């Protein structure tokens, strides 16, 4: 197979609206590349609140890849996708803003969006090929033969980029312009009869309303799980103060049992992630931290997809969490990477 890289098109921002970009149906997709470019402004004197993590990713509230008008293959938010890429590739995708004077900075932390127009750029990658696998091509998305294949984008509003401490009455965030650009990496020349697994990703949300040692989240069964990424956020900010312990189990059989903070530090080594850029002022001789609010439960340690958690014979699967309730709006988001194995044809 040969590699084709091409620009697919772009989608113009429309606040709180859904837009669809039909994707070409010729070859097998390895990845889709996303780049959001936007110009934001905020009224003078507006100081309450702070931008959310990976601002302005929140302008793209949800991303969906849907085949044949009904089969949802990807379904998640841009903010989390940006961070998921950081864990998968060992480097954070580009995030930058340019001030009115034309000066670039790679740090958004502390940026107040006050009384000036700012241009932001943020990138993310939608994976179909299975990263960190011995055979990444086992899960390509072969678009040939599909009736339809669509990228469906649900846009947010300007105020969505700010955390819950933000007061829109003091001066709302104005989106002067925004465009989402889409490119692809595809495999050409797939041998006839090749069948791929489906790399399916989506989000499950659970609200924490009280501290508990047994906060439970039921997970779907019948397929294979490569990994689970857990994100915890309180009042609009990613925090490490919600999760204490993480267990994934089926009945009495335990597949993972981890102290949350220990799992984060292990993940820093396993996925080669650096400290958040906002901590670059720290003394690096004594300070190396984790990406706040993110925890990865990885089953495939050696790149062999046979190590995936097989739930085809399980009647139930559950995340059981020891949680605190530090804020007013505390949430746990779970992002499974699920592999759907194609049915084997029955010989006649």
C-alpha atoms as a PDB file:
ATOM      1  CA  UNK A   1       0.000   0.000   0.000  1.00  0.00           C
ATOM      2  CA  UNK A   2       1.122   3.548  -0.741  1.00  0.00           C
ATOM      3  CA  UNK A   3       0.468   6.687   1.297  1.00  0.00           C
ATOM      4  CA  UNK A   4      -1.657   9.591   0.090  1.00  0.00           C
ATOM      5  CA  UNK A   5      -1.709  12.884   1.975  1.00  0.00           C
ATOM      6  CA  UNK A   6      -4.207  15.537   0.916  1.00  0.00           C
ATOM      7  CA  UNK A   7      -6.233  18.527   2.034  1.00  0.00           C
ATOM      8  CA  UNK A   8      -9.899  17.600   2.381  1.00  0.00           C
ATOM      9  CA  UNK A   9     -11.567  20.961   2.995  1.00  0.00           C
ATOM     10  CA  UNK A  10     -12.655  23.352   5.713  1.00  0.00           C
ATOM     11  CA  UNK A  11     -15.690  24.163   7.847  1.00  0.00           C
ATOM     12  CA  UNK A  12     -16.581  27.747   8.766  1.00  0.00           C
ATOM     13  CA  UNK A  13     -17.538  28.332  12.399  1.00  0.00           C
ATOM     14  CA  UNK A  14     -21.193  28.914  13.254  1.00  0.00           C
ATOM     15  CA  UNK A  15     -21.939  29.384  16.971  1.00  0.00           C
ATOM     16  CA  UNK A  16     -23.971  26.536  18.507  1.00  0.00           C
ATOM     17  CA  UNK A  17     -24.597  25.025  15.072  1.00  0.00           C
ATOM     18  CA  UNK A  18     -23.816  21.649  13.510  1.00  0.00           C
ATOM     19  CA  UNK A  19     -21.961  21.435  10.203  1.00  0.00           C
ATOM     20  CA  UNK A  20     -21.136  18.393   8.065  1.00  0.00           C
ATOM     21  CA  UNK A  21     -18.157  17.821   5.774  1.00  0.00           C
ATOM     22  CA  UNK A  22     -18.510  14.787   3.459  1.00  0.00           C
ATOM     23  CA  UNK A  23     -15.237  12.845   3.341  1.00  0.00           C
ATOM     24  CA  UNK A  24     -13.853  11.217   0.156  1.00  0.00           C
ATOM     25  CA  UNK A  25     -14.626   7.516  -0.142  1.00  0.00           C
ATOM     26  CA  UNK A  26     -11.728   6.180  -2.183  1.00  0.00           C
ATOM     27  CA  UNK A  27      -9.078   4.718   0.095  1.00  0.00           C
ATOM     28  CA  UNK A  28      -8.320   3.555   3.647  1.00  0.00           C
ATOM     29  CA  UNK A  29      -7.902   6.308   6.243  1.00  0.00           C
ATOM     30  CA  UNK A  30      -4.956   6.241   8.620  1.00  0.00           C
ATOM     31  CA  UNK A  31      -5.621   9.650  10.205  1.00  0.00           C
ATOM     32  CA  UNK A  32      -7.520  12.883   9.811  1.00  0.00           C
ATOM     33  CA  UNK A  33      -5.620  16.068  10.704  1.00  0.00           C
ATOM     34  CA  UNK A  34      -7.570  18.975  12.230  1.00  0.00           C
ATOM     35  CA  UNK A  35      -6.465  22.604  12.548  1.00  0.00           C
ATOM     36  CA  UNK A  36      -8.666  25.241  14.156  1.00  0.00           C
ATOM     37  CA  UNK A  37      -7.777  28.876  13.445  1.00  0.00           C
ATOM     38  CA  UNK A  38      -9.826  31.542  15.205  1.00  0.00           C
ATOM     39  CA  UNK A  39      -9.817  35.185  16.225  1.00  0.00           C
ATOM     40  CA  UNK A  40     -11.228  35.946  19.687  1.00  0.00           C
ATOM     41  CA  UNK A  41     -11.922  39.148  21.608  1.00  0.00           C
ATOM     42  CA  UNK A  42     -13.281  40.101  25.009  1.00  0.00           C
ATOM     43  CA  UNK A  43     -14.563  43.366  26.437  1.00  0.00           C
ATOM     44  CA  UNK A  44     -12.239  45.656  28.383  1.00  0.00           C
ATOM     45  CA  UNK A  45     -12.463  45.236  32.144  1.00  0.00           C
ATOM     46  CA  UNK A  46     -13.580  41.595  31.979  1.00  0.00           C
ATOM     47  CA  UNK A  47     -11.304  39.762  34.413  1.00  0.00           C
ATOM     48  CA  UNK A  48     -13.392  36.997  36.011  1.00  0.00           C
ATOM     49  CA  UNK A  49     -12.520  33.388  35.233  1.00  0.00           C
ATOM     50  CA  UNK A  50      -9.748  31.863  33.159  1.00  0.00           C
ATOM     51  CA  UNK A  51      -9.488  30.005  29.834  1.00  0.00           C
ATOM     52  CA  UNK A  52     -10.081  26.268  29.965  1.00  0.00           C
ATOM     53  CA  UNK A  53      -7.414  23.716  29.159  1.00  0.00           C
ATOM     54  CA  UNK A  54      -6.304  23.840  25.516  1.00  0.00           C
ATOM     55  CA  UNK A  55      -8.386  26.955  24.817  1.00  0.00           C
ATOM     56  CA  UNK A  56      -9.857  27.593  22.192  1.00  0.00           C
ATOM     57  CA  UNK A  57     -10.563  23.886  21.493  1.00  0.00           C
ATOM     58  CA  UNK A  58     -13.958  24.348  23.168  1.00  0.00           C
ATOM     59  CA  UNK A  59     -15.225  26.174  20.070  1.00  0.00           C
ATOM     60  CA  UNK A  60     -15.495  22.659  18.594  1.00  0.00           C
ATOM     61  CA  UNK A  61     -17.826  21.133  21.168  1.00  0.00           C
ATOM     62  CA  UNK A  62     -18.086  17.734  19.516  1.00  0.00           C
ATOM     63  CA  UNK A  63     -16.560  15.808  16.618  1.00  0.00           C
ATOM     64  CA  UNK A  64     -18.243  12.799  15.051  1.00  0.00           C
ATOM     65  CA  UNK A  65     -17.211  10.441  12.249  1.00  0.00           C
ATOM     66  CA  UNK A  66     -20.255   8.631  10.890  1.00  0.00           C
ATOM     67  CA  UNK A  67     -20.389   5.991   8.163  1.00  0.00           C
ATOM     68  CA  UNK A  68     -23.402   4.895   6.141  1.00  0.00           C
ATOM     69  CA  UNK A  69     -25.557   7.475   7.903  1.00  0.00           C
ATOM     70  CA  UNK A  70     -25.758   5.418  11.111  1.00  0.00           C
ATOM     71  CA  UNK A  71     -22.431   3.877  12.202  1.00  0.00           C
ATOM     72  CA  UNK A  72     -20.686   6.264  14.621  1.00  0.00           C
ATOM     73  CA  UNK A  73     -16.960   5.500  14.659  1.00  0.00           C
ATOM     74  CA  UNK A  74     -15.662   8.556  16.556  1.00  0.00           C
ATOM     75  CA  UNK A  75     -17.571  10.788  18.951  1.00  0.00           C
ATOM     76  CA  UNK A  76     -15.715  13.147  21.301  1.00  0.00           C
ATOM     77  CA  UNK A  77     -14.760  16.748  22.054  1.00  0.00           C
ATOM     78  CA  UNK A  78     -11.821  18.629  20.522  1.00  0.00           C
ATOM     79  CA  UNK A  79     -10.344  19.588  23.907  1.00  0.00           C
ATOM     80  CA  UNK A  80      -9.878  15.982  25.007  1.00  0.00           C
ATOM     81  CA  UNK A  81      -8.794  14.776  21.561  1.00  0.00           C
ATOM     82  CA  UNK A  82      -5.946  17.320  21.676  1.00  0.00           C
ATOM     83  CA  UNK A  83      -4.717  15.865  24.993  1.00  0.00           C
ATOM     84  CA  UNK A  84      -5.304  12.254  23.935  1.00  0.00           C
ATOM     85  CA  UNK A  85      -2.928  12.873  21.040  1.00  0.00           C
ATOM     86  CA  UNK A  86      -0.312  14.058  23.541  1.00  0.00           C
ATOM     87  CA  UNK A  87      -0.420  10.708  25.342  1.00  0.00           C
ATOM     88  CA  UNK A  88      -0.455   8.671  22.135  1.00  0.00           C
ATOM     89  CA  UNK A  89       2.338  10.475  20.320  1.00  0.00           C
ATOM     90  CA  UNK A  90       4.449  11.563  23.297  1.00  0.00           C
ATOM     91  CA  UNK A  91       4.208  15.207  22.226  1.00  0.00           C
ATOM     92  CA  UNK A  92       1.446  17.752  22.482  1.00  0.00           C
ATOM     93  CA  UNK A  93      -0.011  18.933  19.151  1.00  0.00           C
ATOM     94  CA  UNK A  94       0.517  22.579  18.287  1.00  0.00           C
ATOM     95  CA  UNK A  95      -1.262  25.195  20.391  1.00  0.00           C
ATOM     96  CA  UNK A  96      -0.418  28.881  19.990  1.00  0.00           C
ATOM     97  CA  UNK A  97      -1.854  32.365  20.023  1.00  0.00           C
ATOM     98  CA  UNK A  98      -0.756  35.595  18.410  1.00  0.00           C
ATOM     99  CA  UNK A  99      -1.442  38.942  20.080  1.00  0.00           C
ATOM    100  CA  UNK A 100      -2.495  42.154  18.357  1.00  0.00           C
ATOM    101  CA  UNK A 101       1.148  43.167  17.897  1.00  0.00           C
ATOM    102  CA  UNK A 102       1.838  39.987  15.942  1.00  0.00           C
ATOM    103  CA  UNK A 103       3.920  38.286  18.647  1.00  0.00           C
ATOM    104  CA  UNK A 104       3.531  34.535  19.000  1.00  0.00           C
ATOM    105  CA  UNK A 105       3.481  32.598  22.256  1.00  0.00           C
ATOM    106  CA  UNK A 106       3.108  28.876  22.861  1.00  0.00           C
ATOM    107  CA  UNK A 107       1.561  29.469  26.304  1.00  0.00           C
ATOM    108  CA  UNK A 108      -2.096  30.334  26.840  1.00  0.00           C
ATOM    109  CA  UNK A 109      -1.997  29.970  30.629  1.00  0.00           C
ATOM    110  CA  UNK A 110      -2.796  33.300  32.262  1.00  0.00           C
ATOM    111  CA  UNK A 111      -4.050  34.790  29.009  1.00  0.00           C
ATOM    112  CA  UNK A 112      -7.041  36.927  29.950  1.00  0.00           C
ATOM    113  CA  UNK A 113      -8.701  37.649  26.593  1.00  0.00           C
ATOM    114  CA  UNK A 114      -9.111  41.272  27.626  1.00  0.00           C
ATOM    115  CA  UNK A 115      -9.638  44.214  25.266  1.00  0.00           C
ATOM    116  CA  UNK A 116      -7.668  42.915  22.306  1.00  0.00           C
ATOM    117  CA  UNK A 117      -8.170  40.667  19.313  1.00  0.00           C
ATOM    118  CA  UNK A 118      -6.142  37.444  19.464  1.00  0.00           C
ATOM    119  CA  UNK A 119      -5.523  34.771  16.827  1.00  0.00           C
ATOM    120  CA  UNK A 120      -5.363  31.175  18.067  1.00  0.00           C
ATOM    121  CA  UNK A 121      -4.220  27.988  16.316  1.00  0.00           C
ATOM    122  CA  UNK A 122      -4.758  24.494  17.702  1.00  0.00           C
ATOM    123  CA  UNK A 123      -4.173  21.088  16.096  1.00  0.00           C
ATOM    124  CA  UNK A 124      -5.397  17.537  16.747  1.00  0.00           C
ATOM    125  CA  UNK A 125      -5.263  14.147  15.023  1.00  0.00           C
ATOM    126  CA  UNK A 126      -8.084  11.637  14.657  1.00  0.00           C
ATOM    127  CA  UNK A 127      -6.510   8.176  14.559  1.00  0.00           C
ATOM    128  CA  UNK A 128      -7.879   5.189  12.693  1.00  0.00           C
ATOM    129  CA  UNK A 129      -4.577   3.299  12.475  1.00  0.00           C
ATOM    130  CA  UNK A 130      -3.813   1.902  15.931  1.00  0.00           C
ATOM    131  CA  UNK A 131      -0.872   3.803  17.379  1.00  0.00           C
ATOM    132  CA  UNK A 132       1.756   2.073  19.537  1.00  0.00           C
ATOM    133  CA  UNK A 133       0.751  -1.227  17.932  1.00  0.00           C
ATOM    134  CA  UNK A 134       2.955  -3.721  16.091  1.00  0.00           C
ATOM    135  CA  UNK A 135       0.551  -3.572  13.130  1.00  0.00           C
ATOM    136  CA  UNK A 136      -1.128  -0.141  13.152  1.00  0.00           C
ATOM    137  CA  UNK A 137      -2.800  -0.879   9.803  1.00  0.00           C
ATOM    138  CA  UNK A 138      -5.029  -3.556  11.361  1.00  0.00           C
ATOM    139  CA  UNK A 139      -7.616  -0.875  12.134  1.00  0.00           C
ATOM    140  CA  UNK A 140      -7.553   1.378   9.063  1.00  0.00           C
ATOM    141  CA  UNK A 141     -10.911   2.795   8.004  1.00  0.00           C
ATOM    142  CA  UNK A 142     -11.477   1.505   4.473  1.00  0.00           C
ATOM    143  CA  UNK A 143     -13.880   4.018   2.909  1.00  0.00           C
ATOM    144  CA  UNK A 144     -14.284   2.166  -0.399  1.00  0.00           C
ATOM    145  CA  UNK A 145     -17.747   0.668  -0.529  1.00  0.00           C
ATOM    146  CA  UNK A 146     -19.267   2.951   2.107  1.00  0.00           C
ATOM    147  CA  UNK A 147     -22.488   4.666   1.119  1.00  0.00           C
ATOM    148  CA  UNK A 148     -21.538   7.824   3.056  1.00  0.00           C
ATOM    149  CA  UNK A 149     -18.705   9.006   5.297  1.00  0.00           C
ATOM    150  CA  UNK A 150     -19.120  12.298   7.133  1.00  0.00           C
ATOM    151  CA  UNK A 151     -17.226  14.500   9.554  1.00  0.00           C
ATOM    152  CA  UNK A 152     -19.920  16.118  11.714  1.00  0.00           C
ATOM    153  CA  UNK A 153     -18.870  19.083  13.831  1.00  0.00           C
ATOM    154  CA  UNK A 154     -20.950  20.654  16.588  1.00  0.00           C
ATOM    155  CA  UNK A 155     -19.603  24.136  17.300  1.00  0.00           C
ATOM    156  CA  UNK A 156     -19.743  25.795  20.702  1.00  0.00           C
ATOM    157  CA  UNK A 157     -19.938  29.469  21.653  1.00  0.00           C
ATOM    158  CA  UNK A 158     -17.244  31.965  22.563  1.00  0.00           C
ATOM    159  CA  UNK A 159     -18.045  31.797  26.272  1.00  0.00           C
ATOM    160  CA  UNK A 160     -17.408  28.018  26.244  1.00  0.00           C
ATOM    161  CA  UNK A 161     -13.641  28.619  26.304  1.00  0.00           C
ATOM    162  CA  UNK A 162     -13.823  29.976  29.890  1.00  0.00           C
ATOM    163  CA  UNK A 163     -14.110  28.049  33.164  1.00  0.00           C
ATOM    164  CA  UNK A 164     -17.043  28.245  35.592  1.00  0.00           C
ATOM    165  CA  UNK A 165     -15.571  31.216  37.494  1.00  0.00           C
ATOM    166  CA  UNK A 166     -16.105  33.315  34.377  1.00  0.00           C
ATOM    167  CA  UNK A 167     -18.888  35.926  34.424  1.00  0.00           C
ATOM    168  CA  UNK A 168     -20.180  36.604  30.882  1.00  0.00           C
ATOM    169  CA  UNK A 169     -22.005  39.693  32.168  1.00  0.00           C
ATOM    170  CA  UNK A 170     -18.583  41.314  32.675  1.00  0.00           C
ATOM    171  CA  UNK A 171     -17.825  41.000  28.968  1.00  0.00           C
ATOM    172  CA  UNK A 172     -18.487  37.980  26.780  1.00  0.00           C
ATOM    173  CA  UNK A 173     -15.941  36.288  24.547  1.00  0.00           C
ATOM    174  CA  UNK A 174     -16.586  37.272  20.934  1.00  0.00           C
ATOM    175  CA  UNK A 175     -15.610  34.960  18.067  1.00  0.00           C
ATOM    176  CA  UNK A 176     -14.645  37.307  15.253  1.00  0.00           C
ATOM    177  CA  UNK A 177     -13.884  34.409  12.931  1.00  0.00           C
ATOM    178  CA  UNK A 178     -13.019  30.713  13.090  1.00  0.00           C
ATOM    179  CA  UNK A 179     -12.347  27.947  10.578  1.00  0.00           C
ATOM    180  CA  UNK A 180     -11.664  24.242  11.043  1.00  0.00           C
ATOM    181  CA  UNK A 181      -9.315  22.843   8.379  1.00  0.00           C
ATOM    182  CA  UNK A 182      -9.234  19.117   7.597  1.00  0.00           C
ATOM    183  CA  UNK A 183      -6.523  17.023   5.924  1.00  0.00           C
ATOM    184  CA  UNK A 184      -5.974  13.270   5.664  1.00  0.00           C
ATOM    185  CA  UNK A 185      -3.401  10.507   5.521  1.00  0.00           C
ATOM    186  CA  UNK A 186      -4.739   7.551   3.526  1.00  0.00           C
ATOM    187  CA  UNK A 187      -3.503   4.178   2.319  1.00  0.00           C
ATOM    188  CA  UNK A 188      -3.897   3.494  -1.400  1.00  0.00           C
ATOM    189  CA  UNK A 189      -3.956   0.003  -2.880  1.00  0.00           C
ATOM    190  CA  UNK A 190      -5.620  -2.062  -0.161  1.00  0.00           C
ATOM    191  CA  UNK A 191      -5.585  -5.679  -1.376  1.00  0.00           C
ATOM    192  CA  UNK A 192      -9.058  -6.911  -2.356  1.00  0.00           C
ATOM    193  CA  UNK A 193     -10.772  -8.819   0.424  1.00  0.00           C
ATOM    194  CA  UNK A 194      -8.810  -7.135   3.226  1.00  0.00           C
ATOM    195  CA  UNK A 195     -10.931  -6.749   6.353  1.00  0.00           C
ATOM    196  CA  UNK A 196     -10.016  -4.287   9.107  1.00  0.00           C
ATOM    197  CA  UNK A 197     -11.042  -3.963  12.718  1.00  0.00           C
ATOM    198  CA  UNK A 198     -12.938  -0.757  13.592  1.00  0.00           C
ATOM    199  CA  UNK A 199     -11.154   1.656  15.932  1.00  0.00           C
ATOM    200  CA  UNK A 200     -14.147   3.120  17.772  1.00  0.00           C
ATOM    201  CA  UNK A 201     -13.851   5.977  20.293  1.00  0.00           C
ATOM    202  CA  UNK A 202     -16.493   7.837  22.257  1.00  0.00           C
ATOM    203  CA  UNK A 203     -17.181   9.464  25.623  1.00  0.00           C
ATOM    204  CA  UNK A 204     -19.132   8.361  28.715  1.00  0.00           C
ATOM    205  CA  UNK A 205     -19.846  11.024  31.376  1.00  0.00           C
ATOM    206  CA  UNK A 206     -20.612  10.549  35.053  1.00  0.00           C
ATOM    207  CA  UNK A 207     -21.308  13.343  37.546  1.00  0.00           C
ATOM    208  CA  UNK A 208     -19.886  13.174  41.075  1.00  0.00           C
ATOM    209  CA  UNK A 209     -22.477  14.476  43.525  1.00  0.00           C
ATOM    210  CA  UNK A 210     -20.869  13.208  46.737  1.00  0.00           C
ATOM    211  CA  UNK A 211     -17.649  11.640  47.965  1.00  0.00           C
ATOM    212  CA  UNK A 212     -17.771   7.847  47.637  1.00  0.00           C
ATOM    213  CA  UNK A 213     -15.487   4.830  47.799  1.00  0.00           C
ATOM    214  CA  UNK A 214     -17.644   3.007  45.231  1.00  0.00           C
ATOM    215  CA  UNK A 215     -18.618   5.403  42.473  1.00  0.00           C
ATOM    216  CA  UNK A 216     -19.594   3.048  39.643  1.00  0.00           C
ATOM    217  CA  UNK A 217     -19.617   3.509  35.866  1.00  0.00           C
ATOM    218  CA  UNK A 218     -20.941   0.632  33.752  1.00  0.00           C
ATOM    219  CA  UNK A 219     -19.076  -0.040  30.512  1.00  0.00           C
ATOM    220  CA  UNK A 220     -20.399  -1.729  27.350  1.00  0.00           C
ATOM    221  CA  UNK A 221     -19.370  -5.334  26.733  1.00  0.00           C
ATOM    222  CA  UNK A 222     -18.991  -7.637  23.700  1.00  0.00           C
ATOM    223  CA  UNK A 223     -15.914  -6.095  22.017  1.00  0.00           C
ATOM    224  CA  UNK A 224     -12.196  -5.544  22.685  1.00  0.00           C
ATOM    225  CA  UNK A 225     -10.808  -2.611  24.688  1.00  0.00           C
ATOM    226  CA  UNK A 226      -7.373  -1.220  23.896  1.00  0.00           C
ATOM    227  CA  UNK A 227      -7.468   1.416  26.639  1.00  0.00           C
ATOM    228  CA  UNK A 228      -9.539   3.832  28.677  1.00  0.00           C
ATOM    229  CA  UNK A 229      -8.618   7.478  29.173  1.00  0.00           C
ATOM    230  CA  UNK A 230     -10.263   9.074  32.197  1.00  0.00           C
ATOM    231  CA  UNK A 231     -10.617  12.851  32.531  1.00  0.00           C
ATOM    232  CA  UNK A 232     -11.690  14.528  35.769  1.00  0.00           C
ATOM    233  CA  UNK A 233     -12.817  18.136  35.855  1.00  0.00           C
ATOM    234  CA  UNK A 234     -14.246  20.412  38.509  1.00  0.00           C
ATOM    235  CA  UNK A 235     -16.022  23.703  37.738  1.00  0.00           C
ATOM    236  CA  UNK A 236     -14.585  23.717  34.226  1.00  0.00           C
ATOM    237  CA  UNK A 237     -10.949  22.942  35.093  1.00  0.00           C
ATOM    238  CA  UNK A 238      -9.057  19.627  34.931  1.00  0.00           C
ATOM    239  CA  UNK A 239      -8.078  18.628  38.485  1.00  0.00           C
ATOM    240  CA  UNK A 240      -6.290  15.813  40.327  1.00  0.00           C
ATOM    241  CA  UNK A 241      -8.501  16.167  43.411  1.00  0.00           C
ATOM    242  CA  UNK A 242     -11.455  13.962  42.386  1.00  0.00           C
ATOM    243  CA  UNK A 243      -9.969  10.481  41.835  1.00  0.00           C
ATOM    244  CA  UNK A 244      -8.242   8.545  44.614  1.00  0.00           C
ATOM    245  CA  UNK A 245      -8.343   4.925  43.434  1.00  0.00           C
ATOM    246  CA  UNK A 246      -9.372   3.257  40.153  1.00  0.00           C
ATOM    247  CA  UNK A 247     -10.630  -0.301  39.705  1.00  0.00           C
ATOM    248  CA  UNK A 248     -11.882  -1.948  36.544  1.00  0.00           C
ATOM    249  CA  UNK A 249     -13.541  -5.294  37.074  1.00  0.00           C
ATOM    250  CA  UNK A 250     -16.097  -7.836  35.918  1.00  0.00           C
ATOM    251  CA  UNK A 251     -17.871  -9.342  38.909  1.00  0.00           C
ATOM    252  CA  UNK A 252     -15.098 -10.451  41.250  1.00  0.00           C
ATOM    253  CA  UNK A 253     -12.382 -10.479  38.566  1.00  0.00           C
ATOM    254  CA  UNK A 254     -10.191  -7.375  38.760  1.00  0.00           C
ATOM    255  CA  UNK A 255      -8.310  -6.216  35.623  1.00  0.00           C
ATOM    256  CA  UNK A 256      -6.852  -2.973  36.987  1.00  0.00           C
ATOM    257  CA  UNK A 257      -6.499  -1.662  40.518  1.00  0.00           C
ATOM    258  CA  UNK A 258      -4.490   1.554  40.740  1.00  0.00           C
ATOM    259  CA  UNK A 259      -3.887   4.492  43.021  1.00  0.00           C
ATOM    260  CA  UNK A 260      -4.832   7.419  40.788  1.00  0.00           C
ATOM    261  CA  UNK A 261      -1.768   9.588  41.448  1.00  0.00           C
ATOM    262  CA  UNK A 262       0.566   6.600  40.969  1.00  0.00           C
ATOM    263  CA  UNK A 263      -1.142   5.760  37.661  1.00  0.00           C
ATOM    264  CA  UNK A 264      -0.584   9.343  36.457  1.00  0.00           C
ATOM    265  CA  UNK A 265       3.132   9.192  37.212  1.00  0.00           C
ATOM    266  CA  UNK A 266       3.421   5.795  35.524  1.00  0.00           C
ATOM    267  CA  UNK A 267       1.645   7.239  32.501  1.00  0.00           C
ATOM    268  CA  UNK A 268       4.156  10.099  32.299  1.00  0.00           C
ATOM    269  CA  UNK A 269       6.925   7.521  31.784  1.00  0.00           C
ATOM    270  CA  UNK A 270       4.945   5.108  29.611  1.00  0.00           C
ATOM    271  CA  UNK A 271       3.632   7.772  27.227  1.00  0.00           C
ATOM    272  CA  UNK A 272       6.626  10.132  27.472  1.00  0.00           C
ATOM    273  CA  UNK A 273       4.573  13.221  28.252  1.00  0.00           C
ATOM    274  CA  UNK A 274       6.269  16.384  29.490  1.00  0.00           C
ATOM    275  CA  UNK A 275       5.010  18.683  32.229  1.00  0.00           C
ATOM    276  CA  UNK A 276       2.349  21.213  31.175  1.00  0.00           C
ATOM    277  CA  UNK A 277       3.874  24.336  29.663  1.00  0.00           C
ATOM    278  CA  UNK A 278       2.405  26.469  32.439  1.00  0.00           C
ATOM    279  CA  UNK A 279       4.913  24.898  34.818  1.00  0.00           C
ATOM    280  CA  UNK A 280       7.952  25.873  32.768  1.00  0.00           C
ATOM    281  CA  UNK A 281       8.759  28.584  35.317  1.00  0.00           C
ATOM    282  CA  UNK A 282       9.383  25.870  37.913  1.00  0.00           C
ATOM    283  CA  UNK A 283      12.833  24.715  38.931  1.00  0.00           C
ATOM    284  CA  UNK A 284      13.147  21.645  36.710  1.00  0.00           C
ATOM    285  CA  UNK A 285      15.732  20.173  39.065  1.00  0.00           C
ATOM    286  CA  UNK A 286      12.944  19.723  41.612  1.00  0.00           C
ATOM    287  CA  UNK A 287       9.686  19.846  39.654  1.00  0.00           C
ATOM    288  CA  UNK A 288       8.330  17.448  37.014  1.00  0.00           C
ATOM    289  CA  UNK A 289       4.566  17.086  37.088  1.00  0.00           C
ATOM    290  CA  UNK A 290       1.729  15.391  35.194  1.00  0.00           C
ATOM    291  CA  UNK A 291      -1.000  16.664  32.889  1.00  0.00           C
ATOM    292  CA  UNK A 292      -3.764  17.492  35.404  1.00  0.00           C
ATOM    293  CA  UNK A 293      -6.957  15.463  35.386  1.00  0.00           C
ATOM    294  CA  UNK A 294      -5.916  12.698  32.967  1.00  0.00           C
ATOM    295  CA  UNK A 295      -5.434   8.985  33.709  1.00  0.00           C
ATOM    296  CA  UNK A 296      -4.789   6.195  31.170  1.00  0.00           C
ATOM    297  CA  UNK A 297      -5.689   2.551  31.702  1.00  0.00           C
ATOM    298  CA  UNK A 298      -3.674   0.798  28.992  1.00  0.00           C
ATOM    299  CA  UNK A 299      -4.059  -2.908  28.237  1.00  0.00           C
ATOM    300  CA  UNK A 300      -1.724  -3.211  25.230  1.00  0.00           C
ATOM    301  CA  UNK A 301       1.743  -2.873  26.732  1.00  0.00           C
ATOM    302  CA  UNK A 302       3.785  -4.618  24.012  1.00  0.00           C
ATOM    303  CA  UNK A 303       1.960  -3.392  20.920  1.00  0.00           C
ATOM    304  CA  UNK A 304       0.149  -6.693  20.361  1.00  0.00           C
ATOM    305  CA  UNK A 305      -3.590  -6.181  20.033  1.00  0.00           C
ATOM    306  CA  UNK A 306      -4.085  -9.714  21.380  1.00  0.00           C
ATOM    307  CA  UNK A 307      -3.421  -8.075  24.775  1.00  0.00           C
ATOM    308  CA  UNK A 308      -6.671  -6.092  24.513  1.00  0.00           C
ATOM    309  CA  UNK A 309      -9.306  -6.699  27.171  1.00  0.00           C
ATOM    310  CA  UNK A 310     -11.742  -9.140  25.543  1.00  0.00           C
ATOM    311  CA  UNK A 311     -15.266  -8.592  26.880  1.00  0.00           C
ATOM    312  CA  UNK A 312     -17.061 -10.868  24.399  1.00  0.00           C
ATOM    313  CA  UNK A 313     -17.757 -13.442  27.104  1.00  0.00           C
ATOM    314  CA  UNK A 314     -18.376 -11.014  29.967  1.00  0.00           C
ATOM    315  CA  UNK A 315     -21.857 -10.222  31.232  1.00  0.00           C
ATOM    316  CA  UNK A 316     -20.734  -6.881  32.729  1.00  0.00           C
ATOM    317  CA  UNK A 317     -17.748  -4.546  33.038  1.00  0.00           C
ATOM    318  CA  UNK A 318     -17.449  -1.756  35.558  1.00  0.00           C
ATOM    319  CA  UNK A 319     -15.231   1.103  36.625  1.00  0.00           C
ATOM    320  CA  UNK A 320     -15.385   1.380  40.401  1.00  0.00           C
ATOM    321  CA  UNK A 321     -13.830   4.597  41.668  1.00  0.00           C
ATOM    322  CA  UNK A 322     -12.915   6.101  45.015  1.00  0.00           C
ATOM    323  CA  UNK A 323     -13.851   9.755  44.507  1.00  0.00           C
ATOM    324  CA  UNK A 324     -13.886  13.079  46.329  1.00  0.00           C
ATOM    325  CA  UNK A 325     -16.292  15.963  45.647  1.00  0.00           C
ATOM    326  CA  UNK A 326     -14.132  19.108  45.744  1.00  0.00           C
ATOM    327  CA  UNK A 327     -16.223  21.485  43.617  1.00  0.00           C
ATOM    328  CA  UNK A 328     -19.740  22.423  42.629  1.00  0.00           C
ATOM    329  CA  UNK A 329     -19.724  20.734  39.219  1.00  0.00           C
ATOM    330  CA  UNK A 330     -17.515  17.620  39.358  1.00  0.00           C
ATOM    331  CA  UNK A 331     -17.452  15.211  36.417  1.00  0.00           C
ATOM    332  CA  UNK A 332     -15.633  12.068  35.309  1.00  0.00           C
ATOM    333  CA  UNK A 333     -15.388  11.507  31.555  1.00  0.00           C
ATOM    334  CA  UNK A 334     -14.330   8.089  30.246  1.00  0.00           C
ATOM    335  CA  UNK A 335     -12.966   7.719  26.692  1.00  0.00           C
ATOM    336  CA  UNK A 336     -12.733   4.056  25.619  1.00  0.00           C
ATOM    337  CA  UNK A 337     -10.701   2.896  22.648  1.00  0.00           C
ATOM    338  CA  UNK A 338     -12.813  -0.030  21.513  1.00  0.00           C
ATOM    339  CA  UNK A 339     -11.977  -2.484  18.737  1.00  0.00           C
ATOM    340  CA  UNK A 340     -14.806  -4.047  16.787  1.00  0.00           C
ATOM    341  CA  UNK A 341     -13.684  -7.308  15.214  1.00  0.00           C
ATOM    342  CA  UNK A 342     -15.401  -8.092  11.888  1.00  0.00           C
ATOM    343  CA  UNK A 343     -17.487 -11.227  11.725  1.00  0.00           C
ATOM    344  CA  UNK A 344     -15.794 -14.194  10.091  1.00  0.00           C
ATOM    345  CA  UNK A 345     -17.784 -15.405   7.063  1.00  0.00           C
ATOM    346  CA  UNK A 346     -19.314 -18.835   7.552  1.00  0.00           C
ATOM    347  CA  UNK A 347     -18.289 -21.327   4.890  1.00  0.00           C
ATOM    348  CA  UNK A 348     -21.214 -22.741   2.929  1.00  0.00           C
END
